[in-house]
Amino acid sequence: GEERIHAAYPGATWDRLAEVKARYDPTNLFHL
């Protein structure tokens, strides 16, 4: 679940990753 993924990427790390994800994979092709 998502809560545990947030545990792997807490706080500012998650926010920055989500921004990079939007830049390079905006449609979430790589979701597996």
Full PDB file with SEQRES, HELIX, SHEET, SSBOND, CRYST1, ORIGX, SCALE, CONECT and MASTER records, all heavy atoms in Angstrom:
SEQRES   1 A   32  GLY GLU GLU ARG ILE HIS ALA ALA TYR PRO GLY ALA THR          
SEQRES   2 A   32  TRP ASP ARG LEU ALA GLU VAL LYS ALA ARG TYR ASP PRO          
SEQRES   3 A   32  THR ASN LEU PHE HIS LEU                                      
HELIX    1 AA1 GLU A    2  ALA A    8  1                                   7    
HELIX    2 AA2 GLY A   11  TYR A   24  1                                  14    
CRYST1    1.000    1.000    1.000  90.00  90.00  90.00 P 1           1          
ORIGX1      1.000000  0.000000  0.000000        0.00000                         
ORIGX2      0.000000  1.000000  0.000000        0.00000                         
ORIGX3      0.000000  0.000000  1.000000        0.00000                         
SCALE1      1.000000  0.000000  0.000000        0.00000                         
SCALE2      0.000000  1.000000  0.000000        0.00000                         
SCALE3      0.000000  0.000000  1.000000        0.00000                         
ATOM      1  N   GLY A   1       0.797  -1.214   0.000  1.00  0.00           N  
ATOM      2  CA  GLY A   1       0.000   0.000   0.000  1.00  0.00           C  
ATOM      3  C   GLY A   1       0.832   1.267   0.000  1.00  0.00           C  
ATOM      4  O   GLY A   1       2.042   1.268   0.251  1.00  0.00           O  
ATOM      5  N   GLU A   2       0.136   2.370  -0.278  1.00  0.00           N  
ATOM      6  CA  GLU A   2       0.824   3.653  -0.472  1.00  0.00           C  
ATOM      7  C   GLU A   2       1.501   4.158   0.793  1.00  0.00           C  
ATOM      8  O   GLU A   2       2.552   4.788   0.732  1.00  0.00           O  
ATOM      9  CB  GLU A   2      -0.174   4.704  -0.980  1.00  0.00           C  
ATOM     10  CG  GLU A   2       0.502   6.008  -1.372  1.00  0.00           C  
ATOM     11  CD  GLU A   2      -0.424   6.958  -2.110  1.00  0.00           C  
ATOM     12  OE1 GLU A   2      -1.239   6.476  -2.925  1.00  0.00           O  
ATOM     13  OE2 GLU A   2      -0.331   8.167  -1.858  1.00  0.00           O  
ATOM     14  N   GLU A   3       0.919   3.864   1.952  1.00  0.00           N  
ATOM     15  CA  GLU A   3       1.526   4.334   3.199  1.00  0.00           C  
ATOM     16  C   GLU A   3       2.937   3.794   3.363  1.00  0.00           C  
ATOM     17  O   GLU A   3       3.847   4.511   3.793  1.00  0.00           O  
ATOM     18  CB  GLU A   3       0.666   3.910   4.392  1.00  0.00           C  
ATOM     19  CG  GLU A   3       1.184   4.416   5.729  1.00  0.00           C  
ATOM     20  CD  GLU A   3       0.310   4.009   6.904  1.00  0.00           C  
ATOM     21  OE1 GLU A   3      -0.821   3.542   6.650  1.00  0.00           O  
ATOM     22  OE2 GLU A   3       0.760   4.151   8.055  1.00  0.00           O  
ATOM     23  N   ARG A   4       3.147   2.548   2.983  1.00  0.00           N  
ATOM     24  CA  ARG A   4       4.482   1.953   3.108  1.00  0.00           C  
ATOM     25  C   ARG A   4       5.435   2.506   2.054  1.00  0.00           C  
ATOM     26  O   ARG A   4       6.635   2.618   2.292  1.00  0.00           O  
ATOM     27  CB  ARG A   4       4.364   0.435   3.002  1.00  0.00           C  
ATOM     28  CG  ARG A   4       3.696  -0.185   4.214  1.00  0.00           C  
ATOM     29  CD  ARG A   4       4.651  -0.249   5.384  1.00  0.00           C  
ATOM     30  NE  ARG A   4       5.634  -1.310   5.192  1.00  0.00           N  
ATOM     31  CZ  ARG A   4       6.796  -1.380   5.816  1.00  0.00           C  
ATOM     32  NH1 ARG A   4       7.148  -0.437   6.674  1.00  0.00           N  
ATOM     33  NH2 ARG A   4       7.613  -2.382   5.589  1.00  0.00           N  
ATOM     34  N   ILE A   5       4.915   2.852   0.874  1.00  0.00           N  
ATOM     35  CA  ILE A   5       5.780   3.488  -0.128  1.00  0.00           C  
ATOM     36  C   ILE A   5       6.224   4.849   0.389  1.00  0.00           C  
ATOM     37  O   ILE A   5       7.386   5.259   0.207  1.00  0.00           O  
ATOM     38  CB  ILE A   5       5.063   3.604  -1.484  1.00  0.00           C  
ATOM     39  CG1 ILE A   5       4.571   2.233  -1.957  1.00  0.00           C  
ATOM     40  CG2 ILE A   5       6.014   4.201  -2.530  1.00  0.00           C  
ATOM     41  CD1 ILE A   5       3.741   2.273  -3.224  1.00  0.00           C  
ATOM     42  N   HIS A   6       5.312   5.564   1.053  1.00  0.00           N  
ATOM     43  CA  HIS A   6       5.688   6.843   1.668  1.00  0.00           C  
ATOM     44  C   HIS A   6       6.739   6.635   2.761  1.00  0.00           C  
ATOM     45  O   HIS A   6       7.573   7.517   2.995  1.00  0.00           O  
ATOM     46  CB  HIS A   6       4.452   7.538   2.246  1.00  0.00           C  
ATOM     47  CG  HIS A   6       3.690   8.350   1.244  1.00  0.00           C  
ATOM     48  ND1 HIS A   6       4.024   9.646   0.927  1.00  0.00           N  
ATOM     49  CD2 HIS A   6       2.626   8.039   0.470  1.00  0.00           C  
ATOM     50  CE1 HIS A   6       3.183  10.119   0.017  1.00  0.00           C  
ATOM     51  NE2 HIS A   6       2.333   9.157  -0.285  1.00  0.00           N  
ATOM     52  N   ALA A   7       6.697   5.495   3.434  1.00  0.00           N  
ATOM     53  CA  ALA A   7       7.722   5.208   4.443  1.00  0.00           C  
ATOM     54  C   ALA A   7       9.086   5.045   3.793  1.00  0.00           C  
ATOM     55  O   ALA A   7      10.120   5.386   4.386  1.00  0.00           O  
ATOM     56  CB  ALA A   7       7.349   3.945   5.226  1.00  0.00           C  
ATOM     57  N   ALA A   8       9.101   4.515   2.568  1.00  0.00           N  
ATOM     58  CA  ALA A   8      10.370   4.393   1.834  1.00  0.00           C  
ATOM     59  C   ALA A   8      10.849   5.747   1.333  1.00  0.00           C  
ATOM     60  O   ALA A   8      12.058   5.988   1.233  1.00  0.00           O  
ATOM     61  CB  ALA A   8      10.201   3.424   0.665  1.00  0.00           C  
ATOM     62  N   TYR A   9       9.893   6.624   1.009  1.00  0.00           N  
ATOM     63  CA  TYR A   9      10.217   7.957   0.455  1.00  0.00           C  
ATOM     64  C   TYR A   9       9.518   9.025   1.277  1.00  0.00           C  
ATOM     65  O   TYR A   9       8.515   9.595   0.853  1.00  0.00           O  
ATOM     66  CB  TYR A   9       9.767   8.038  -1.003  1.00  0.00           C  
ATOM     67  CG  TYR A   9      10.349   6.968  -1.895  1.00  0.00           C  
ATOM     68  CD1 TYR A   9       9.518   6.081  -2.573  1.00  0.00           C  
ATOM     69  CD2 TYR A   9      11.720   6.849  -2.055  1.00  0.00           C  
ATOM     70  CE1 TYR A   9      10.049   5.101  -3.402  1.00  0.00           C  
ATOM     71  CE2 TYR A   9      12.259   5.865  -2.873  1.00  0.00           C  
ATOM     72  CZ  TYR A   9      11.420   4.994  -3.540  1.00  0.00           C  
ATOM     73  OH  TYR A   9      11.949   4.026  -4.350  1.00  0.00           O  
ATOM     74  N   PRO A  10      10.020   9.321   2.463  1.00  0.00           N  
ATOM     75  CA  PRO A  10       9.305  10.238   3.353  1.00  0.00           C  
ATOM     76  C   PRO A  10       9.463  11.708   2.959  1.00  0.00           C  
ATOM     77  O   PRO A  10      10.449  12.116   2.349  1.00  0.00           O  
ATOM     78  CB  PRO A  10       9.977   9.977   4.704  1.00  0.00           C  
ATOM     79  CG  PRO A  10      11.370   9.540   4.358  1.00  0.00           C  
ATOM     80  CD  PRO A  10      11.228   8.755   3.086  1.00  0.00           C  
ATOM     81  N   GLY A  11       8.441  12.485   3.324  1.00  0.00           N  
ATOM     82  CA  GLY A  11       8.520  13.942   3.277  1.00  0.00           C  
ATOM     83  C   GLY A  11       8.964  14.538   1.969  1.00  0.00           C  
ATOM     84  O   GLY A  11       8.383  14.306   0.900  1.00  0.00           O  
ATOM     85  N   ALA A  12      10.029  15.331   2.044  1.00  0.00           N  
ATOM     86  CA  ALA A  12      10.527  16.068   0.883  1.00  0.00           C  
ATOM     87  C   ALA A  12      11.008  15.135  -0.221  1.00  0.00           C  
ATOM     88  O   ALA A  12      10.957  15.495  -1.406  1.00  0.00           O  
ATOM     89  CB  ALA A  12      11.656  17.008   1.309  1.00  0.00           C  
ATOM     90  N   THR A  13      11.458  13.950   0.142  1.00  0.00           N  
ATOM     91  CA  THR A  13      11.896  12.994  -0.881  1.00  0.00           C  
ATOM     92  C   THR A  13      10.727  12.609  -1.782  1.00  0.00           C  
ATOM     93  O   THR A  13      10.850  12.585  -3.010  1.00  0.00           O  
ATOM     94  CB  THR A  13      12.493  11.732  -0.226  1.00  0.00           C  
ATOM     95  OG1 THR A  13      13.614  12.105   0.584  1.00  0.00           O  
ATOM     96  CG2 THR A  13      12.943  10.736  -1.269  1.00  0.00           C  
ATOM     97  N   TRP A  14       9.579  12.314  -1.188  1.00  0.00           N  
ATOM     98  CA  TRP A  14       8.385  11.972  -1.971  1.00  0.00           C  
ATOM     99  C   TRP A  14       7.985  13.132  -2.883  1.00  0.00           C  
ATOM    100  O   TRP A  14       7.700  12.934  -4.068  1.00  0.00           O  
ATOM    101  CB  TRP A  14       7.235  11.611  -1.037  1.00  0.00           C  
ATOM    102  CG  TRP A  14       5.961  11.318  -1.775  1.00  0.00           C  
ATOM    103  CD1 TRP A  14       5.019  12.225  -2.189  1.00  0.00           C  
ATOM    104  CD2 TRP A  14       5.514  10.039  -2.233  1.00  0.00           C  
ATOM    105  NE1 TRP A  14       3.998  11.587  -2.849  1.00  0.00           N  
ATOM    106  CE2 TRP A  14       4.277  10.247  -2.893  1.00  0.00           C  
ATOM    107  CE3 TRP A  14       6.017   8.743  -2.131  1.00  0.00           C  
ATOM    108  CZ2 TRP A  14       3.543   9.200  -3.452  1.00  0.00           C  
ATOM    109  CZ3 TRP A  14       5.288   7.708  -2.690  1.00  0.00           C  
ATOM    110  CH2 TRP A  14       4.084   7.940  -3.335  1.00  0.00           C  
ATOM    111  N   ASP A  15       7.958  14.324  -2.335  1.00  0.00           N  
ATOM    112  CA  ASP A  15       7.527  15.492  -3.114  1.00  0.00           C  
ATOM    113  C   ASP A  15       8.433  15.705  -4.320  1.00  0.00           C  
ATOM    114  O   ASP A  15       7.959  15.966  -5.438  1.00  0.00           O  
ATOM    115  CB  ASP A  15       7.532  16.744  -2.237  1.00  0.00           C  
ATOM    116  CG  ASP A  15       6.512  16.669  -1.114  1.00  0.00           C  
ATOM    117  OD1 ASP A  15       5.564  15.864  -1.225  1.00  0.00           O  
ATOM    118  OD2 ASP A  15       6.682  17.395  -0.110  1.00  0.00           O  
ATOM    119  N   ARG A  16       9.719  15.585  -4.105  1.00  0.00           N  
ATOM    120  CA  ARG A  16      10.667  15.790  -5.217  1.00  0.00           C  
ATOM    121  C   ARG A  16      10.550  14.673  -6.253  1.00  0.00           C  
ATOM    122  O   ARG A  16      10.580  14.933  -7.460  1.00  0.00           O  
ATOM    123  CB  ARG A  16      12.087  15.872  -4.662  1.00  0.00           C  
ATOM    124  CG  ARG A  16      13.134  16.240  -5.710  1.00  0.00           C  
ATOM    125  CD  ARG A  16      14.489  16.463  -5.058  1.00  0.00           C  
ATOM    126  NE  ARG A  16      15.529  16.680  -6.062  1.00  0.00           N  
ATOM    127  CZ  ARG A  16      16.826  16.794  -5.786  1.00  0.00           C  
ATOM    128  NH1 ARG A  16      17.240  16.741  -4.520  1.00  0.00           N  
ATOM    129  NH2 ARG A  16      17.708  16.980  -6.751  1.00  0.00           N  
ATOM    130  N   LEU A  17      10.382  13.447  -5.798  1.00  0.00           N  
ATOM    131  CA  LEU A  17      10.217  12.331  -6.729  1.00  0.00           C  
ATOM    132  C   LEU A  17       8.949  12.494  -7.573  1.00  0.00           C  
ATOM    133  O   LEU A  17       8.948  12.208  -8.775  1.00  0.00           O  
ATOM    134  CB  LEU A  17      10.162  11.003  -5.968  1.00  0.00           C  
ATOM    135  CG  LEU A  17      11.493  10.464  -5.433  1.00  0.00           C  
ATOM    136  CD1 LEU A  17      11.263   9.317  -4.466  1.00  0.00           C  
ATOM    137  CD2 LEU A  17      12.417  10.045  -6.566  1.00  0.00           C  
ATOM    138  N   ALA A  18       7.870  12.948  -6.952  1.00  0.00           N  
ATOM    139  CA  ALA A  18       6.615  13.133  -7.685  1.00  0.00           C  
ATOM    140  C   ALA A  18       6.772  14.199  -8.771  1.00  0.00           C  
ATOM    141  O   ALA A  18       6.191  14.081  -9.860  1.00  0.00           O  
ATOM    142  CB  ALA A  18       5.499  13.519  -6.714  1.00  0.00           C  
ATOM    143  N   GLU A  19       7.554  15.224  -8.505  1.00  0.00           N  
ATOM    144  CA  GLU A  19       7.794  16.265  -9.506  1.00  0.00           C  
ATOM    145  C   GLU A  19       8.624  15.723 -10.668  1.00  0.00           C  
ATOM    146  O   GLU A  19       8.338  16.004 -11.839  1.00  0.00           O  
ATOM    147  CB  GLU A  19       8.506  17.456  -8.861  1.00  0.00           C  
ATOM    148  CG  GLU A  19       7.637  18.228  -7.879  1.00  0.00           C  
ATOM    149  CD  GLU A  19       8.408  19.318  -7.167  1.00  0.00           C  
ATOM    150  OE1 GLU A  19       9.581  19.574  -7.551  1.00  0.00           O  
ATOM    151  OE2 GLU A  19       7.860  19.916  -6.218  1.00  0.00           O  
ATOM    152  N   VAL A  20       9.654  14.936 -10.350  1.00  0.00           N  
ATOM    153  CA  VAL A  20      10.469  14.336 -11.416  1.00  0.00           C  
ATOM    154  C   VAL A  20       9.636  13.349 -12.222  1.00  0.00           C  
ATOM    155  O   VAL A  20       9.734  13.284 -13.448  1.00  0.00           O  
ATOM    156  CB  VAL A  20      11.724  13.660 -10.827  1.00  0.00           C  
ATOM    157  CG1 VAL A  20      12.544  12.996 -11.927  1.00  0.00           C  
ATOM    158  CG2 VAL A  20      12.585  14.673 -10.071  1.00  0.00           C  
ATOM    159  N   LYS A  21       8.791  12.601 -11.538  1.00  0.00           N  
ATOM    160  CA  LYS A  21       7.902  11.653 -12.211  1.00  0.00           C  
ATOM    161  C   LYS A  21       7.002  12.389 -13.203  1.00  0.00           C  
ATOM    162  O   LYS A  21       6.817  11.955 -14.349  1.00  0.00           O  
ATOM    163  CB  LYS A  21       7.060  10.920 -11.168  1.00  0.00           C  
ATOM    164  CG  LYS A  21       6.036   9.935 -11.745  1.00  0.00           C  
ATOM    165  CD  LYS A  21       6.659   8.650 -12.228  1.00  0.00           C  
ATOM    166  CE  LYS A  21       5.586   7.617 -12.526  1.00  0.00           C  
ATOM    167  NZ  LYS A  21       6.146   6.352 -13.016  1.00  0.00           N  
ATOM    168  N   ALA A  22       6.443  13.511 -12.805  1.00  0.00           N  
ATOM    169  CA  ALA A  22       5.560  14.288 -13.679  1.00  0.00           C  
ATOM    170  C   ALA A  22       6.306  14.802 -14.902  1.00  0.00           C  
ATOM    171  O   ALA A  22       5.729  14.937 -15.989  1.00  0.00           O  
ATOM    172  CB  ALA A  22       4.961  15.455 -12.899  1.00  0.00           C  
ATOM    173  N   ARG A  23       7.581  15.067 -14.743  1.00  0.00           N  
ATOM    174  CA  ARG A  23       8.385  15.597 -15.846  1.00  0.00           C  
ATOM    175  C   ARG A  23       8.717  14.511 -16.869  1.00  0.00           C  
ATOM    176  O   ARG A  23       8.681  14.759 -18.081  1.00  0.00           O  
ATOM    177  CB  ARG A  23       9.668  16.207 -15.272  1.00  0.00           C  
ATOM    178  CG  ARG A  23      10.401  17.169 -16.193  1.00  0.00           C  
ATOM    179  CD  ARG A  23      11.484  17.914 -15.423  1.00  0.00           C  
ATOM    180  NE  ARG A  23      10.909  18.648 -14.304  1.00  0.00           N  
ATOM    181  CZ  ARG A  23      11.383  18.635 -13.060  1.00  0.00           C  
ATOM    182  NH1 ARG A  23      12.454  17.922 -12.773  1.00  0.00           N  
ATOM    183  NH2 ARG A  23      10.796  19.313 -12.109  1.00  0.00           N  
ATOM    184  N   TYR A  24       9.036  13.313 -16.401  1.00  0.00           N  
ATOM    185  CA  TYR A  24       9.534  12.273 -17.303  1.00  0.00           C  
ATOM    186  C   TYR A  24       8.527  11.159 -17.594  1.00  0.00           C  
ATOM    187  O   TYR A  24       8.701  10.424 -18.556  1.00  0.00           O  
ATOM    188  CB  TYR A  24      10.829  11.675 -16.747  1.00  0.00           C  
ATOM    189  CG  TYR A  24      11.972  12.653 -16.763  1.00  0.00           C  
ATOM    190  CD1 TYR A  24      12.303  13.385 -15.620  1.00  0.00           C  
ATOM    191  CD2 TYR A  24      12.709  12.881 -17.919  1.00  0.00           C  
ATOM    192  CE1 TYR A  24      13.348  14.301 -15.629  1.00  0.00           C  
ATOM    193  CE2 TYR A  24      13.759  13.795 -17.941  1.00  0.00           C  
ATOM    194  CZ  TYR A  24      14.063  14.501 -16.795  1.00  0.00           C  
ATOM    195  OH  TYR A  24      15.102  15.411 -16.818  1.00  0.00           O  
ATOM    196  N   ASP A  25       7.508  11.026 -16.761  1.00  0.00           N  
ATOM    197  CA  ASP A  25       6.495   9.985 -16.989  1.00  0.00           C  
ATOM    198  C   ASP A  25       5.130  10.503 -16.531  1.00  0.00           C  
ATOM    199  O   ASP A  25       4.526   9.967 -15.595  1.00  0.00           O  
ATOM    200  CB  ASP A  25       6.867   8.706 -16.238  1.00  0.00           C  
ATOM    201  CG  ASP A  25       5.925   7.538 -16.546  1.00  0.00           C  
ATOM    202  OD1 ASP A  25       5.191   7.620 -17.555  1.00  0.00           O  
ATOM    203  OD2 ASP A  25       5.922   6.564 -15.772  1.00  0.00           O  
ATOM    204  N   PRO A  26       4.614  11.522 -17.189  1.00  0.00           N  
ATOM    205  CA  PRO A  26       3.378  12.163 -16.725  1.00  0.00           C  
ATOM    206  C   PRO A  26       2.147  11.267 -16.777  1.00  0.00           C  
ATOM    207  O   PRO A  26       1.187  11.490 -16.035  1.00  0.00           O  
ATOM    208  CB  PRO A  26       3.233  13.374 -17.664  1.00  0.00           C  
ATOM    209  CG  PRO A  26       4.025  13.012 -18.883  1.00  0.00           C  
ATOM    210  CD  PRO A  26       5.169  12.186 -18.387  1.00  0.00           C  
ATOM    211  N   THR A  27       2.146  10.238 -17.627  1.00  0.00           N  
ATOM    212  CA  THR A  27       0.991   9.335 -17.714  1.00  0.00           C  
ATOM    213  C   THR A  27       1.161   8.077 -16.870  1.00  0.00           C  
ATOM    214  O   THR A  27       0.313   7.191 -16.887  1.00  0.00           O  
ATOM    215  CB  THR A  27       0.720   8.932 -19.175  1.00  0.00           C  
ATOM    216  OG1 THR A  27       1.831   8.156 -19.661  1.00  0.00           O  
ATOM    217  CG2 THR A  27       0.528  10.165 -20.053  1.00  0.00           C  
ATOM    218  N   ASN A  28       2.276   7.994 -16.134  1.00  0.00           N  
ATOM    219  CA  ASN A  28       2.552   6.845 -15.260  1.00  0.00           C  
ATOM    220  C   ASN A  28       2.626   5.536 -16.041  1.00  0.00           C  
ATOM    221  O   ASN A  28       2.104   4.504 -15.613  1.00  0.00           O  
ATOM    222  CB  ASN A  28       1.512   6.742 -14.144  1.00  0.00           C  
ATOM    223  CG  ASN A  28       2.046   6.043 -12.894  1.00  0.00           C  
ATOM    224  OD1 ASN A  28       3.248   5.796 -12.779  1.00  0.00           O  
ATOM    225  ND2 ASN A  28       1.165   5.739 -11.964  1.00  0.00           N  
ATOM    226  N   LEU A  29       3.288   5.585 -17.195  1.00  0.00           N  
ATOM    227  CA  LEU A  29       3.519   4.360 -17.964  1.00  0.00           C  
ATOM    228  C   LEU A  29       4.255   3.331 -17.111  1.00  0.00           C  
ATOM    229  O   LEU A  29       3.942   2.146 -17.120  1.00  0.00           O  
ATOM    230  CB  LEU A  29       4.331   4.685 -19.224  1.00  0.00           C  
ATOM    231  CG  LEU A  29       4.722   3.495 -20.107  1.00  0.00           C  
ATOM    232  CD1 LEU A  29       3.493   2.927 -20.799  1.00  0.00           C  
ATOM    233  CD2 LEU A  29       5.774   3.903 -21.147  1.00  0.00           C  
ATOM    234  N   PHE A  30       5.251   3.802 -16.376  1.00  0.00           N  
ATOM    235  CA  PHE A  30       6.043   2.920 -15.512  1.00  0.00           C  
ATOM    236  C   PHE A  30       5.395   2.894 -14.124  1.00  0.00           C  
ATOM    237  O   PHE A  30       5.797   3.623 -13.221  1.00  0.00           O  
ATOM    238  CB  PHE A  30       7.490   3.398 -15.436  1.00  0.00           C  
ATOM    239  CG  PHE A  30       8.178   3.451 -16.768  1.00  0.00           C  
ATOM    240  CD1 PHE A  30       8.452   4.672 -17.369  1.00  0.00           C  
ATOM    241  CD2 PHE A  30       8.526   2.289 -17.441  1.00  0.00           C  
ATOM    242  CE1 PHE A  30       9.078   4.729 -18.611  1.00  0.00           C  
ATOM    243  CE2 PHE A  30       9.147   2.340 -18.683  1.00  0.00           C  
ATOM    244  CZ  PHE A  30       9.424   3.557 -19.264  1.00  0.00           C  
ATOM    245  N   HIS A  31       4.368   2.072 -13.979  1.00  0.00           N  
ATOM    246  CA  HIS A  31       3.658   2.005 -12.696  1.00  0.00           C  
ATOM    247  C   HIS A  31       3.763   0.645 -12.031  1.00  0.00           C  
ATOM    248  O   HIS A  31       3.350   0.499 -10.874  1.00  0.00           O  
ATOM    249  CB  HIS A  31       2.178   2.371 -12.875  1.00  0.00           C  
ATOM    250  CG  HIS A  31       1.421   1.423 -13.747  1.00  0.00           C  
ATOM    251  ND1 HIS A  31       1.258   1.633 -15.098  1.00  0.00           N  
ATOM    252  CD2 HIS A  31       0.788   0.245 -13.467  1.00  0.00           C  
ATOM    253  CE1 HIS A  31       0.552   0.643 -15.618  1.00  0.00           C  
ATOM    254  NE2 HIS A  31       0.262  -0.222 -14.655  1.00  0.00           N  
ATOM    255  N   LEU A  32       4.311  -0.362 -12.717  1.00  0.00           N  
ATOM    256  CA  LEU A  32       4.524  -1.649 -12.059  1.00  0.00           C  
ATOM    257  C   LEU A  32       5.819  -1.562 -11.258  1.00  0.00           C  
ATOM    258  O   LEU A  32       6.894  -1.982 -11.691  1.00  0.00           O  
ATOM    259  CB  LEU A  32       4.587  -2.784 -13.085  1.00  0.00           C  
ATOM    260  CG  LEU A  32       3.276  -3.521 -13.345  1.00  0.00           C  
ATOM    261  CD1 LEU A  32       3.511  -4.722 -14.252  1.00  0.00           C  
ATOM    262  CD2 LEU A  32       2.610  -3.975 -12.048  1.00  0.00           C  
TER     263      LEU A  32                                                      
MASTER        0    0    0    2    0    0    0    6  262    1    0    3          
END                                                                             
